[in-house]
Amino acid sequence: MTPNGATTFDPNKVTVVYVLGGPGAGKGTQCTKLSKDIDFCHLSAGDLLRAEQNRDGSQYGELIRTCIREGSIVPKEVTSKLLENAMAAEIQSRSGHGWTDGKGRFLIDGFPRKMDQALLFDEVVCPASLVIHFTTTEDVMLERLLERGKTSGREDDNIDSIRKRFRTYYEQTMPVIEHYSNLGKLVEIDSTKSIDTVYQETSAIIRKLLS
């Protein structure tokens, strides 16, 4: 937050869309396609955290590593600051439609996962314009994650970590979903369908937001 009480980024210039869903719901897949087609910057909270844990000299590395292994949520200040820094870097370096004069468009994937993260980011960094929630069954998510785990190299793509991540999602992220639903900012999409079908629905919602 700036000294005058405003958020770091002006919500009239910067569009933030939170993309939520359980582990394996398809958040990253859809965000990757959207970022290519509609010139959004896709920021994955999980990817930023994994990069930070492996960065030489990181003061948060061991904390992040423990949280990822246990399927718990990294403290709000850490994730929020990593996202803020990444957003600032993108706004400074990008150009083109939607990226001039301090403007920017961000799909933030896998964040906020907890109410304190949501409140901190909206009040200090930039309030979300929209929240997309991808829904599917736990069986579908488990199948997708175990398949991904064969090649991902991610230490949390194993059955024990996955079960912990499901529990964390239901206990701590669902209240976030309800919060944005009450604010009238939530759109839910059934991501059990094919990737292309889900993408058609998702991209239509994003284009409407920008129109």
N, C-alpha and C. Protein backbone atom coordinates (compact mmCIF):
# COMPACT_ATOMS: atom_id res chain seq x y z
N MET A 1 0.84 -1.19 0.00
CA MET A 1 0.00 0.00 0.00
C MET A 1 0.88 1.24 0.00
N THR A 2 0.48 2.23 -0.76
CA THR A 2 1.25 3.47 -0.82
C THR A 2 0.95 4.32 0.40
N PRO A 3 1.81 5.33 0.69
CA PRO A 3 1.63 6.14 1.88
C PRO A 3 0.27 6.83 1.97
N ASN A 4 -0.36 7.13 0.82
CA ASN A 4 -1.66 7.82 0.87
C ASN A 4 -2.83 6.86 1.05
N GLY A 5 -2.53 5.58 1.26
CA GLY A 5 -3.58 4.60 1.54
C GLY A 5 -4.10 3.87 0.33
N ALA A 6 -3.62 4.23 -0.88
CA ALA A 6 -4.06 3.54 -2.08
C ALA A 6 -3.33 2.21 -2.22
N THR A 7 -3.89 1.34 -3.05
CA THR A 7 -3.21 0.07 -3.32
C THR A 7 -1.98 0.31 -4.20
N THR A 8 -1.07 -0.66 -4.23
CA THR A 8 0.15 -0.53 -5.02
C THR A 8 -0.16 -0.26 -6.49
N PHE A 9 -1.16 -0.99 -7.03
CA PHE A 9 -1.54 -0.83 -8.43
C PHE A 9 -2.95 -0.25 -8.51
N ASP A 10 -3.14 0.67 -9.44
CA ASP A 10 -4.43 1.33 -9.64
C ASP A 10 -5.40 0.36 -10.31
N PRO A 11 -6.50 -0.01 -9.65
CA PRO A 11 -7.44 -0.98 -10.25
C PRO A 11 -8.13 -0.46 -11.50
N ASN A 12 -8.05 0.85 -11.76
CA ASN A 12 -8.57 1.39 -13.01
C ASN A 12 -7.63 1.10 -14.18
N LYS A 13 -6.39 0.78 -13.86
CA LYS A 13 -5.40 0.50 -14.90
C LYS A 13 -5.01 -0.98 -14.94
N VAL A 14 -5.06 -1.64 -13.81
CA VAL A 14 -4.59 -3.02 -13.70
C VAL A 14 -5.77 -3.96 -13.43
N THR A 15 -5.94 -4.91 -14.31
CA THR A 15 -7.00 -5.91 -14.18
C THR A 15 -6.42 -7.18 -13.56
N VAL A 16 -6.98 -7.59 -12.43
CA VAL A 16 -6.56 -8.82 -11.76
C VAL A 16 -7.72 -9.81 -11.76
N VAL A 17 -7.44 -10.99 -12.28
CA VAL A 17 -8.42 -12.08 -12.25
C VAL A 17 -7.81 -13.22 -11.45
N TYR A 18 -8.44 -13.58 -10.33
CA TYR A 18 -8.00 -14.75 -9.57
C TYR A 18 -8.58 -15.99 -10.23
N VAL A 19 -7.76 -17.03 -10.37
CA VAL A 19 -8.21 -18.28 -10.95
C VAL A 19 -8.04 -19.37 -9.89
N LEU A 20 -9.16 -19.87 -9.40
CA LEU A 20 -9.15 -20.82 -8.29
C LEU A 20 -9.78 -22.15 -8.69
N GLY A 21 -9.51 -23.15 -7.90
CA GLY A 21 -10.02 -24.50 -8.13
C GLY A 21 -9.15 -25.46 -7.36
N GLY A 22 -9.65 -26.64 -7.13
CA GLY A 22 -8.86 -27.63 -6.40
C GLY A 22 -7.62 -28.05 -7.17
N PRO A 23 -6.69 -28.73 -6.52
CA PRO A 23 -5.51 -29.23 -7.20
C PRO A 23 -5.91 -30.14 -8.37
N GLY A 24 -5.42 -29.83 -9.57
CA GLY A 24 -5.77 -30.64 -10.73
C GLY A 24 -7.06 -30.23 -11.42
N ALA A 25 -7.63 -29.09 -11.03
CA ALA A 25 -8.90 -28.65 -11.64
C ALA A 25 -8.70 -28.07 -13.04
N GLY A 26 -7.44 -27.77 -13.40
CA GLY A 26 -7.18 -27.27 -14.75
C GLY A 26 -6.83 -25.79 -14.81
N LYS A 27 -6.50 -25.20 -13.67
CA LYS A 27 -6.21 -23.77 -13.61
C LYS A 27 -5.05 -23.38 -14.53
N GLY A 28 -3.94 -24.07 -14.39
CA GLY A 28 -2.75 -23.73 -15.16
C GLY A 28 -2.94 -23.91 -16.65
N THR A 29 -3.61 -24.99 -17.02
CA THR A 29 -3.86 -25.27 -18.44
C THR A 29 -4.65 -24.14 -19.09
N GLN A 30 -5.72 -23.72 -18.42
CA GLN A 30 -6.57 -22.66 -18.97
C GLN A 30 -5.85 -21.31 -18.98
N CYS A 31 -5.11 -21.02 -17.93
CA CYS A 31 -4.39 -19.75 -17.86
C CYS A 31 -3.34 -19.64 -18.95
N THR A 32 -2.66 -20.74 -19.24
CA THR A 32 -1.64 -20.74 -20.30
C THR A 32 -2.26 -20.40 -21.64
N LYS A 33 -3.42 -20.98 -21.95
CA LYS A 33 -4.10 -20.70 -23.21
C LYS A 33 -4.60 -19.25 -23.25
N LEU A 34 -5.16 -18.77 -22.16
CA LEU A 34 -5.69 -17.41 -22.12
C LEU A 34 -4.58 -16.37 -22.27
N SER A 35 -3.45 -16.63 -21.64
CA SER A 35 -2.36 -15.65 -21.69
C SER A 35 -1.81 -15.50 -23.10
N LYS A 36 -1.88 -16.56 -23.89
CA LYS A 36 -1.41 -16.49 -25.28
C LYS A 36 -2.41 -15.78 -26.18
N ASP A 37 -3.70 -16.04 -25.95
CA ASP A 37 -4.73 -15.54 -26.85
C ASP A 37 -5.21 -14.12 -26.54
N ILE A 38 -5.18 -13.72 -25.28
CA ILE A 38 -5.78 -12.43 -24.89
C ILE A 38 -4.75 -11.49 -24.26
N ASP A 39 -3.49 -11.82 -24.35
CA ASP A 39 -2.40 -10.96 -23.87
C ASP A 39 -2.53 -10.61 -22.39
N PHE A 40 -2.82 -11.62 -21.60
CA PHE A 40 -2.74 -11.51 -20.14
C PHE A 40 -1.38 -12.03 -19.69
N CYS A 41 -0.93 -11.60 -18.55
CA CYS A 41 0.22 -12.23 -17.91
C CYS A 41 -0.30 -13.28 -16.94
N HIS A 42 0.15 -14.51 -17.11
CA HIS A 42 -0.24 -15.60 -16.22
C HIS A 42 0.80 -15.73 -15.12
N LEU A 43 0.37 -15.48 -13.90
CA LEU A 43 1.25 -15.66 -12.74
C LEU A 43 0.72 -16.81 -11.90
N SER A 44 1.53 -17.83 -11.74
CA SER A 44 1.17 -18.96 -10.89
C SER A 44 1.80 -18.75 -9.52
N ALA A 45 0.96 -18.64 -8.49
CA ALA A 45 1.49 -18.46 -7.14
C ALA A 45 2.39 -19.63 -6.77
N GLY A 46 1.98 -20.84 -7.16
CA GLY A 46 2.78 -22.02 -6.85
C GLY A 46 4.14 -22.00 -7.53
N ASP A 47 4.16 -21.59 -8.79
CA ASP A 47 5.44 -21.53 -9.52
C ASP A 47 6.37 -20.50 -8.90
N LEU A 48 5.81 -19.35 -8.52
CA LEU A 48 6.63 -18.30 -7.89
C LEU A 48 7.22 -18.80 -6.56
N LEU A 49 6.41 -19.53 -5.82
CA LEU A 49 6.89 -20.06 -4.53
C LEU A 49 7.97 -21.11 -4.74
N ARG A 50 7.75 -21.99 -5.73
CA ARG A 50 8.76 -23.04 -5.99
C ARG A 50 10.08 -22.42 -6.46
N ALA A 51 9.99 -21.35 -7.28
CA ALA A 51 11.20 -20.67 -7.74
C ALA A 51 11.92 -20.01 -6.57
N GLU A 52 11.14 -19.42 -5.66
CA GLU A 52 11.74 -18.74 -4.52
C GLU A 52 12.40 -19.73 -3.57
N GLN A 53 11.81 -20.90 -3.39
CA GLN A 53 12.40 -21.87 -2.46
C GLN A 53 13.76 -22.36 -2.97
N ASN A 54 13.95 -22.32 -4.30
CA ASN A 54 15.20 -22.80 -4.89
C ASN A 54 16.20 -21.68 -5.17
N ARG A 55 15.79 -20.44 -4.87
CA ARG A 55 16.68 -19.31 -5.15
C ARG A 55 17.78 -19.22 -4.10
N ASP A 56 19.02 -19.11 -4.55
CA ASP A 56 20.15 -19.01 -3.62
C ASP A 56 19.97 -17.80 -2.70
N GLY A 57 20.12 -18.03 -1.41
CA GLY A 57 20.06 -16.94 -0.45
C GLY A 57 18.66 -16.53 -0.04
N SER A 58 17.63 -17.26 -0.48
CA SER A 58 16.26 -16.89 -0.12
C SER A 58 16.03 -17.08 1.38
N GLN A 59 15.48 -16.04 2.01
CA GLN A 59 15.17 -16.14 3.44
C GLN A 59 13.92 -16.98 3.69
N TYR A 60 13.14 -17.24 2.61
CA TYR A 60 11.88 -17.97 2.77
C TYR A 60 11.97 -19.41 2.28
N GLY A 61 13.13 -19.82 1.73
CA GLY A 61 13.23 -21.10 1.06
C GLY A 61 12.79 -22.29 1.88
N GLU A 62 13.32 -22.41 3.08
CA GLU A 62 13.01 -23.57 3.92
C GLU A 62 11.56 -23.55 4.37
N LEU A 63 11.03 -22.37 4.69
CA LEU A 63 9.63 -22.22 5.09
C LEU A 63 8.71 -22.68 3.96
N ILE A 64 8.99 -22.22 2.73
CA ILE A 64 8.17 -22.60 1.58
C ILE A 64 8.26 -24.11 1.34
N ARG A 65 9.46 -24.65 1.43
CA ARG A 65 9.66 -26.09 1.19
C ARG A 65 8.82 -26.92 2.15
N THR A 66 8.81 -26.53 3.42
CA THR A 66 8.04 -27.25 4.44
C THR A 66 6.55 -27.17 4.15
N CYS A 67 6.07 -25.97 3.80
CA CYS A 67 4.65 -25.79 3.52
C CYS A 67 4.21 -26.63 2.33
N ILE A 68 5.02 -26.64 1.27
CA ILE A 68 4.67 -27.42 0.08
C ILE A 68 4.63 -28.90 0.40
N ARG A 69 5.60 -29.37 1.16
CA ARG A 69 5.66 -30.79 1.51
C ARG A 69 4.46 -31.20 2.36
N GLU A 70 4.06 -30.32 3.27
CA GLU A 70 2.96 -30.64 4.19
C GLU A 70 1.58 -30.33 3.60
N GLY A 71 1.55 -29.69 2.42
CA GLY A 71 0.27 -29.33 1.82
C GLY A 71 -0.40 -28.17 2.51
N SER A 72 0.37 -27.41 3.29
CA SER A 72 -0.19 -26.25 4.00
C SER A 72 0.05 -24.98 3.20
N ILE A 73 -0.46 -23.86 3.70
CA ILE A 73 -0.42 -22.60 2.96
C ILE A 73 0.69 -21.71 3.47
N VAL A 74 1.48 -21.18 2.54
CA VAL A 74 2.59 -20.28 2.88
C VAL A 74 2.01 -18.98 3.45
N PRO A 75 2.68 -18.37 4.46
CA PRO A 75 2.17 -17.12 5.05
C PRO A 75 1.84 -16.06 3.99
N LYS A 76 0.76 -15.33 4.25
CA LYS A 76 0.20 -14.41 3.26
C LYS A 76 1.18 -13.35 2.79
N GLU A 77 2.01 -12.85 3.70
CA GLU A 77 2.94 -11.78 3.33
C GLU A 77 3.96 -12.23 2.29
N VAL A 78 4.37 -13.49 2.37
CA VAL A 78 5.39 -14.02 1.45
C VAL A 78 4.82 -14.12 0.04
N THR A 79 3.69 -14.80 -0.10
CA THR A 79 3.09 -14.99 -1.43
C THR A 79 2.66 -13.66 -2.03
N SER A 80 2.06 -12.80 -1.22
CA SER A 80 1.60 -11.51 -1.72
C SER A 80 2.75 -10.67 -2.26
N LYS A 81 3.88 -10.67 -1.55
CA LYS A 81 5.03 -9.87 -1.98
C LYS A 81 5.65 -10.44 -3.26
N LEU A 82 5.73 -11.75 -3.37
CA LEU A 82 6.26 -12.36 -4.60
C LEU A 82 5.39 -12.00 -5.80
N LEU A 83 4.08 -12.02 -5.62
CA LEU A 83 3.17 -11.66 -6.70
C LEU A 83 3.29 -10.17 -7.05
N GLU A 84 3.35 -9.33 -6.04
CA GLU A 84 3.48 -7.89 -6.26
C GLU A 84 4.75 -7.58 -7.06
N ASN A 85 5.86 -8.19 -6.68
CA ASN A 85 7.12 -7.97 -7.39
C ASN A 85 7.05 -8.43 -8.84
N ALA A 86 6.42 -9.58 -9.05
CA ALA A 86 6.29 -10.13 -10.41
C ALA A 86 5.40 -9.23 -11.27
N MET A 87 4.33 -8.70 -10.68
CA MET A 87 3.44 -7.81 -11.41
C MET A 87 4.16 -6.52 -11.81
N ALA A 88 4.91 -5.95 -10.88
CA ALA A 88 5.64 -4.72 -11.16
C ALA A 88 6.64 -4.92 -12.29
N ALA A 89 7.31 -6.06 -12.29
CA ALA A 89 8.30 -6.35 -13.34
C ALA A 89 7.63 -6.48 -14.70
N GLU A 90 6.46 -7.11 -14.74
CA GLU A 90 5.75 -7.28 -16.01
C GLU A 90 5.25 -5.94 -16.55
N ILE A 91 4.68 -5.12 -15.67
CA ILE A 91 4.16 -3.81 -16.11
C ILE A 91 5.28 -2.94 -16.66
N GLN A 92 6.45 -3.05 -16.06
CA GLN A 92 7.59 -2.26 -16.49
C GLN A 92 8.15 -2.75 -17.83
N SER A 93 8.10 -4.04 -18.06
CA SER A 93 8.79 -4.60 -19.23
C SER A 93 7.89 -4.82 -20.44
N ARG A 94 6.59 -4.96 -20.24
CA ARG A 94 5.70 -5.27 -21.37
C ARG A 94 5.25 -4.01 -22.10
N SER A 95 4.83 -4.22 -23.36
CA SER A 95 4.25 -3.15 -24.15
C SER A 95 3.15 -3.74 -25.00
N GLY A 96 2.44 -2.89 -25.73
CA GLY A 96 1.36 -3.39 -26.56
C GLY A 96 0.00 -3.13 -25.94
N HIS A 97 -1.05 -3.61 -26.61
CA HIS A 97 -2.41 -3.34 -26.18
C HIS A 97 -2.65 -3.85 -24.75
N GLY A 98 -3.15 -2.97 -23.90
CA GLY A 98 -3.42 -3.34 -22.51
C GLY A 98 -2.22 -3.23 -21.60
N TRP A 99 -1.08 -2.78 -22.15
CA TRP A 99 0.16 -2.74 -21.36
C TRP A 99 0.91 -1.41 -21.51
N THR A 100 0.18 -0.31 -21.61
CA THR A 100 0.83 1.00 -21.71
C THR A 100 0.40 1.87 -20.54
N ASP A 101 1.23 2.86 -20.21
CA ASP A 101 0.89 3.85 -19.19
C ASP A 101 0.51 3.21 -17.85
N GLY A 102 1.31 2.23 -17.44
CA GLY A 102 1.07 1.60 -16.14
C GLY A 102 -0.06 0.60 -16.11
N LYS A 103 -0.58 0.26 -17.29
CA LYS A 103 -1.68 -0.71 -17.35
C LYS A 103 -1.14 -2.13 -17.38
N GLY A 104 -1.99 -3.07 -16.99
CA GLY A 104 -1.60 -4.48 -17.02
C GLY A 104 -2.80 -5.38 -16.82
N ARG A 105 -2.66 -6.65 -17.24
CA ARG A 105 -3.73 -7.65 -17.11
C ARG A 105 -3.12 -8.92 -16.56
N PHE A 106 -3.66 -9.39 -15.46
CA PHE A 106 -3.04 -10.54 -14.79
C PHE A 106 -4.07 -11.63 -14.47
N LEU A 107 -3.69 -12.85 -14.82
CA LEU A 107 -4.40 -14.04 -14.34
C LEU A 107 -3.55 -14.60 -13.22
N ILE A 108 -4.06 -14.59 -12.00
CA ILE A 108 -3.30 -15.09 -10.87
C ILE A 108 -3.87 -16.45 -10.48
N ASP A 109 -3.08 -17.45 -10.75
CA ASP A 109 -3.49 -18.86 -10.69
C ASP A 109 -3.12 -19.46 -9.34
N GLY A 110 -4.16 -20.00 -8.65
CA GLY A 110 -3.91 -20.66 -7.37
C GLY A 110 -3.76 -19.71 -6.20
N PHE A 111 -4.35 -18.55 -6.31
CA PHE A 111 -4.27 -17.53 -5.26
C PHE A 111 -5.50 -16.63 -5.40
N PRO A 112 -6.07 -16.19 -4.24
CA PRO A 112 -5.72 -16.50 -2.85
C PRO A 112 -6.34 -17.83 -2.41
N ARG A 113 -5.58 -18.55 -1.60
CA ARG A 113 -6.02 -19.86 -1.13
C ARG A 113 -6.59 -19.79 0.29
N LYS A 114 -6.60 -18.60 0.87
CA LYS A 114 -7.03 -18.44 2.25
C LYS A 114 -7.56 -17.01 2.42
N MET A 115 -8.49 -16.81 3.34
CA MET A 115 -9.12 -15.50 3.49
C MET A 115 -8.12 -14.40 3.81
N ASP A 116 -7.12 -14.68 4.65
CA ASP A 116 -6.19 -13.60 5.00
C ASP A 116 -5.37 -13.17 3.78
N GLN A 117 -5.06 -14.11 2.87
CA GLN A 117 -4.37 -13.76 1.63
C GLN A 117 -5.26 -12.85 0.77
N ALA A 118 -6.53 -13.21 0.65
CA ALA A 118 -7.46 -12.45 -0.17
C ALA A 118 -7.58 -11.02 0.33
N LEU A 119 -7.79 -10.86 1.63
CA LEU A 119 -7.99 -9.53 2.20
C LEU A 119 -6.73 -8.68 2.08
N LEU A 120 -5.57 -9.28 2.35
CA LEU A 120 -4.31 -8.53 2.27
C LEU A 120 -4.06 -8.06 0.84
N PHE A 121 -4.17 -8.95 -0.13
CA PHE A 121 -3.86 -8.59 -1.51
C PHE A 121 -4.83 -7.53 -2.04
N ASP A 122 -6.12 -7.72 -1.78
CA ASP A 122 -7.12 -6.76 -2.27
C ASP A 122 -6.94 -5.38 -1.64
N GLU A 123 -6.54 -5.34 -0.40
CA GLU A 123 -6.41 -4.06 0.31
C GLU A 123 -5.08 -3.38 0.06
N VAL A 124 -4.03 -4.16 -0.20
CA VAL A 124 -2.68 -3.59 -0.27
C VAL A 124 -2.14 -3.54 -1.70
N VAL A 125 -2.34 -4.60 -2.47
CA VAL A 125 -1.71 -4.70 -3.80
C VAL A 125 -2.66 -4.23 -4.89
N CYS A 126 -3.77 -4.94 -5.09
CA CYS A 126 -4.77 -4.55 -6.10
C CYS A 126 -6.01 -5.42 -5.94
N PRO A 127 -7.19 -4.83 -5.87
CA PRO A 127 -8.40 -5.65 -5.74
C PRO A 127 -8.70 -6.42 -7.02
N ALA A 128 -9.22 -7.62 -6.86
CA ALA A 128 -9.57 -8.44 -8.02
C ALA A 128 -10.80 -7.89 -8.71
N SER A 129 -10.78 -7.94 -10.05
CA SER A 129 -11.96 -7.57 -10.84
C SER A 129 -12.92 -8.73 -10.96
N LEU A 130 -12.36 -9.96 -10.96
CA LEU A 130 -13.15 -11.15 -11.20
C LEU A 130 -12.46 -12.34 -10.57
N VAL A 131 -13.26 -13.34 -10.16
CA VAL A 131 -12.72 -14.60 -9.63
C VAL A 131 -13.35 -15.74 -10.41
N ILE A 132 -12.51 -16.54 -11.08
CA ILE A 132 -12.99 -17.71 -11.80
C ILE A 132 -12.70 -18.95 -10.96
N HIS A 133 -13.72 -19.74 -10.73
CA HIS A 133 -13.58 -20.96 -9.92
C HIS A 133 -13.88 -22.17 -10.79
N PHE A 134 -12.84 -22.98 -11.05
CA PHE A 134 -13.02 -24.20 -11.82
C PHE A 134 -13.43 -25.33 -10.88
N THR A 135 -14.55 -25.97 -11.19
CA THR A 135 -15.07 -27.03 -10.33
C THR A 135 -15.03 -28.37 -11.04
N THR A 136 -14.72 -29.41 -10.30
CA THR A 136 -14.80 -30.78 -10.80
C THR A 136 -14.78 -31.71 -9.59
N THR A 137 -14.80 -33.02 -9.82
CA THR A 137 -14.84 -33.96 -8.71
C THR A 137 -13.43 -34.27 -8.20
N GLU A 138 -13.37 -34.74 -6.97
CA GLU A 138 -12.08 -35.11 -6.39
C GLU A 138 -11.45 -36.28 -7.16
N ASP A 139 -12.28 -37.19 -7.65
CA ASP A 139 -11.74 -38.32 -8.42
C ASP A 139 -11.05 -37.85 -9.70
N VAL A 140 -11.65 -36.89 -10.38
CA VAL A 140 -11.06 -36.35 -11.60
C VAL A 140 -9.74 -35.65 -11.28
N MET A 141 -9.74 -34.84 -10.23
CA MET A 141 -8.53 -34.11 -9.86
C MET A 141 -7.40 -35.07 -9.49
N LEU A 142 -7.74 -36.13 -8.72
CA LEU A 142 -6.74 -37.10 -8.30
C LEU A 142 -6.13 -37.80 -9.51
N GLU A 143 -6.97 -38.21 -10.43
CA GLU A 143 -6.49 -38.90 -11.64
C GLU A 143 -5.54 -37.99 -12.44
N ARG A 144 -5.92 -36.72 -12.59
CA ARG A 144 -5.09 -35.79 -13.34
C ARG A 144 -3.74 -35.56 -12.65
N LEU A 145 -3.77 -35.41 -11.33
CA LEU A 145 -2.53 -35.13 -10.59
C LEU A 145 -1.57 -36.32 -10.61
N LEU A 146 -2.10 -37.52 -10.46
CA LEU A 146 -1.24 -38.71 -10.48
C LEU A 146 -0.61 -38.89 -11.86
N GLU A 147 -1.38 -38.57 -12.90
CA GLU A 147 -0.85 -38.64 -14.26
C GLU A 147 0.24 -37.58 -14.45
N ARG A 148 -0.02 -36.37 -13.97
CA ARG A 148 0.97 -35.29 -14.07
C ARG A 148 2.23 -35.64 -13.29
N GLY A 149 2.05 -36.29 -12.15
CA GLY A 149 3.18 -36.62 -11.30
C GLY A 149 4.20 -37.53 -11.94
N LYS A 150 3.79 -38.25 -13.00
CA LYS A 150 4.73 -39.14 -13.70
C LYS A 150 5.84 -38.36 -14.39
N THR A 151 5.54 -37.10 -14.74
CA THR A 151 6.52 -36.31 -15.51
C THR A 151 6.83 -34.95 -14.91
N SER A 152 6.04 -34.48 -13.93
CA SER A 152 6.17 -33.09 -13.47
C SER A 152 7.42 -32.84 -12.63
N GLY A 153 7.88 -33.88 -11.91
CA GLY A 153 9.00 -33.68 -11.01
C GLY A 153 8.63 -32.90 -9.76
N ARG A 154 7.34 -32.58 -9.58
CA ARG A 154 6.89 -31.82 -8.40
C ARG A 154 6.81 -32.74 -7.19
N GLU A 155 7.41 -32.30 -6.09
CA GLU A 155 7.44 -33.15 -4.91
C GLU A 155 6.08 -33.29 -4.25
N ASP A 156 5.09 -32.43 -4.64
CA ASP A 156 3.77 -32.55 -4.03
C ASP A 156 2.79 -33.30 -4.92
N ASP A 157 3.25 -33.85 -6.06
CA ASP A 157 2.38 -34.67 -6.90
C ASP A 157 2.50 -36.14 -6.51
N ASN A 158 2.25 -36.42 -5.25
CA ASN A 158 2.20 -37.81 -4.76
C ASN A 158 0.95 -37.97 -3.92
N ILE A 159 0.52 -39.19 -3.70
CA ILE A 159 -0.80 -39.43 -3.12
C ILE A 159 -0.97 -38.79 -1.74
N ASP A 160 0.07 -38.84 -0.89
CA ASP A 160 -0.06 -38.28 0.45
C ASP A 160 -0.20 -36.76 0.41
N SER A 161 0.65 -36.10 -0.37
CA SER A 161 0.58 -34.64 -0.48
C SER A 161 -0.72 -34.21 -1.14
N ILE A 162 -1.17 -34.98 -2.13
CA ILE A 162 -2.41 -34.63 -2.82
C ILE A 162 -3.59 -34.66 -1.86
N ARG A 163 -3.67 -35.70 -1.02
CA ARG A 163 -4.77 -35.78 -0.05
C ARG A 163 -4.74 -34.59 0.92
N LYS A 164 -3.54 -34.20 1.34
CA LYS A 164 -3.41 -33.03 2.24
C LYS A 164 -3.85 -31.76 1.52
N ARG A 165 -3.50 -31.64 0.23
CA ARG A 165 -3.88 -30.46 -0.54
C ARG A 165 -5.38 -30.37 -0.73
N PHE A 166 -6.04 -31.52 -0.94
CA PHE A 166 -7.50 -31.53 -1.02
C PHE A 166 -8.12 -31.02 0.27
N ARG A 167 -7.60 -31.52 1.39
CA ARG A 167 -8.14 -31.13 2.70
C ARG A 167 -7.98 -29.63 2.92
N THR A 168 -6.78 -29.12 2.60
CA THR A 168 -6.51 -27.69 2.76
C THR A 168 -7.45 -26.87 1.88
N TYR A 169 -7.67 -27.34 0.67
CA TYR A 169 -8.54 -26.62 -0.27
C TYR A 169 -9.96 -26.50 0.28
N TYR A 170 -10.51 -27.62 0.75
CA TYR A 170 -11.89 -27.60 1.24
C TYR A 170 -12.02 -26.77 2.52
N GLU A 171 -11.04 -26.85 3.38
CA GLU A 171 -11.13 -26.16 4.68
C GLU A 171 -10.84 -24.67 4.57
N GLN A 172 -9.89 -24.29 3.71
CA GLN A 172 -9.41 -22.91 3.74
C GLN A 172 -9.72 -22.11 2.48
N THR A 173 -9.83 -22.77 1.32
CA THR A 173 -10.09 -22.01 0.10
C THR A 173 -11.58 -21.83 -0.17
N MET A 174 -12.41 -22.77 0.22
CA MET A 174 -13.84 -22.62 -0.03
C MET A 174 -14.44 -21.36 0.62
N PRO A 175 -14.00 -20.95 1.83
CA PRO A 175 -14.50 -19.67 2.36
C PRO A 175 -14.13 -18.48 1.48
N VAL A 176 -12.99 -18.55 0.79
CA VAL A 176 -12.60 -17.49 -0.15
C VAL A 176 -13.59 -17.44 -1.31
N ILE A 177 -13.95 -18.62 -1.83
CA ILE A 177 -14.93 -18.70 -2.92
C ILE A 177 -16.25 -18.06 -2.49
N GLU A 178 -16.69 -18.38 -1.29
CA GLU A 178 -17.95 -17.83 -0.78
C GLU A 178 -17.87 -16.32 -0.61
N HIS A 179 -16.72 -15.82 -0.18
CA HIS A 179 -16.50 -14.39 0.02
C HIS A 179 -16.69 -13.62 -1.30
N TYR A 180 -16.06 -14.11 -2.37
CA TYR A 180 -16.17 -13.41 -3.65
C TYR A 180 -17.54 -13.62 -4.30
N SER A 181 -18.19 -14.73 -3.99
CA SER A 181 -19.56 -14.92 -4.44
C SER A 181 -20.46 -13.87 -3.83
N ASN A 182 -20.28 -13.60 -2.54
CA ASN A 182 -21.07 -12.59 -1.85
C ASN A 182 -20.81 -11.19 -2.39
N LEU A 183 -19.60 -10.97 -2.93
CA LEU A 183 -19.26 -9.66 -3.52
C LEU A 183 -19.73 -9.54 -4.96
N GLY A 184 -20.28 -10.63 -5.52
CA GLY A 184 -20.75 -10.61 -6.89
C GLY A 184 -19.64 -10.68 -7.92
N LYS A 185 -18.46 -11.18 -7.51
CA LYS A 185 -17.31 -11.23 -8.41
C LYS A 185 -16.97 -12.65 -8.89
N LEU A 186 -17.78 -13.63 -8.51
CA LEU A 186 -17.43 -15.03 -8.77
C LEU A 186 -18.14 -15.58 -10.01
N VAL A 187 -17.38 -16.31 -10.83
CA VAL A 187 -17.94 -17.10 -11.93
C VAL A 187 -17.44 -18.53 -11.76
N GLU A 188 -18.35 -19.50 -11.79
CA GLU A 188 -17.96 -20.90 -11.66
C GLU A 188 -18.09 -21.62 -13.00
N ILE A 189 -17.07 -22.44 -13.32
CA ILE A 189 -17.03 -23.17 -14.58
C ILE A 189 -16.72 -24.63 -14.29
N ASP A 190 -17.51 -25.52 -14.86
CA ASP A 190 -17.30 -26.96 -14.69
C ASP A 190 -16.11 -27.39 -15.56
N SER A 191 -15.00 -27.72 -14.92
CA SER A 191 -13.80 -28.07 -15.67
C SER A 191 -13.64 -29.57 -15.88
N THR A 192 -14.73 -30.33 -15.64
CA THR A 192 -14.71 -31.76 -15.95
C THR A 192 -14.74 -31.96 -17.47
N LYS A 193 -15.29 -30.97 -18.18
CA LYS A 193 -15.43 -31.06 -19.63
C LYS A 193 -14.07 -31.02 -20.32
N SER A 194 -14.07 -31.12 -21.63
CA SER A 194 -12.81 -31.10 -22.39
C SER A 194 -12.11 -29.75 -22.23
N ILE A 195 -10.81 -29.74 -22.42
CA ILE A 195 -10.02 -28.51 -22.30
C ILE A 195 -10.55 -27.44 -23.22
N ASP A 196 -10.89 -27.79 -24.47
CA ASP A 196 -11.36 -26.80 -25.44
C ASP A 196 -12.73 -26.25 -25.06
N THR A 197 -13.62 -27.10 -24.55
CA THR A 197 -14.94 -26.62 -24.14
C THR A 197 -14.82 -25.67 -22.96
N VAL A 198 -14.01 -26.04 -22.00
CA VAL A 198 -13.79 -25.18 -20.83
C VAL A 198 -13.17 -23.85 -21.27
N TYR A 199 -12.25 -23.93 -22.22
CA TYR A 199 -11.59 -22.71 -22.70
C TYR A 199 -12.57 -21.77 -23.38
N GLN A 200 -13.48 -22.31 -24.17
CA GLN A 200 -14.48 -21.47 -24.83
C GLN A 200 -15.30 -20.69 -23.81
N GLU A 201 -15.72 -21.36 -22.75
CA GLU A 201 -16.50 -20.70 -21.70
C GLU A 201 -15.65 -19.64 -20.98
N THR A 202 -14.42 -20.02 -20.66
CA THR A 202 -13.56 -19.14 -19.88
C THR A 202 -13.17 -17.89 -20.67
N SER A 203 -12.77 -18.09 -21.92
CA SER A 203 -12.34 -16.95 -22.74
C SER A 203 -13.49 -15.97 -22.99
N ALA A 204 -14.71 -16.50 -23.14
CA ALA A 204 -15.87 -15.63 -23.34
C ALA A 204 -16.09 -14.73 -22.12
N ILE A 205 -15.89 -15.29 -20.94
CA ILE A 205 -16.05 -14.52 -19.71
C ILE A 205 -14.97 -13.43 -19.61
N ILE A 206 -13.73 -13.78 -19.96
CA ILE A 206 -12.64 -12.81 -19.90
C ILE A 206 -12.84 -11.69 -20.92
N ARG A 207 -13.25 -12.04 -22.13
CA ARG A 207 -13.49 -11.01 -23.16
C ARG A 207 -14.63 -10.06 -22.75
N LYS A 208 -15.63 -10.61 -22.10
CA LYS A 208 -16.73 -9.76 -21.62
C LYS A 208 -16.23 -8.79 -20.55
N LEU A 209 -15.35 -9.27 -19.69
CA LEU A 209 -14.78 -8.41 -18.64
C LEU A 209 -14.04 -7.23 -19.25
N LEU A 210 -13.33 -7.46 -20.36
CA LEU A 210 -12.50 -6.43 -20.98
C LEU A 210 -13.29 -5.50 -21.91
N SER A 211 -14.51 -5.90 -22.25
CA SER A 211 -15.26 -5.12 -23.24
C SER A 211 -15.86 -3.84 -22.65
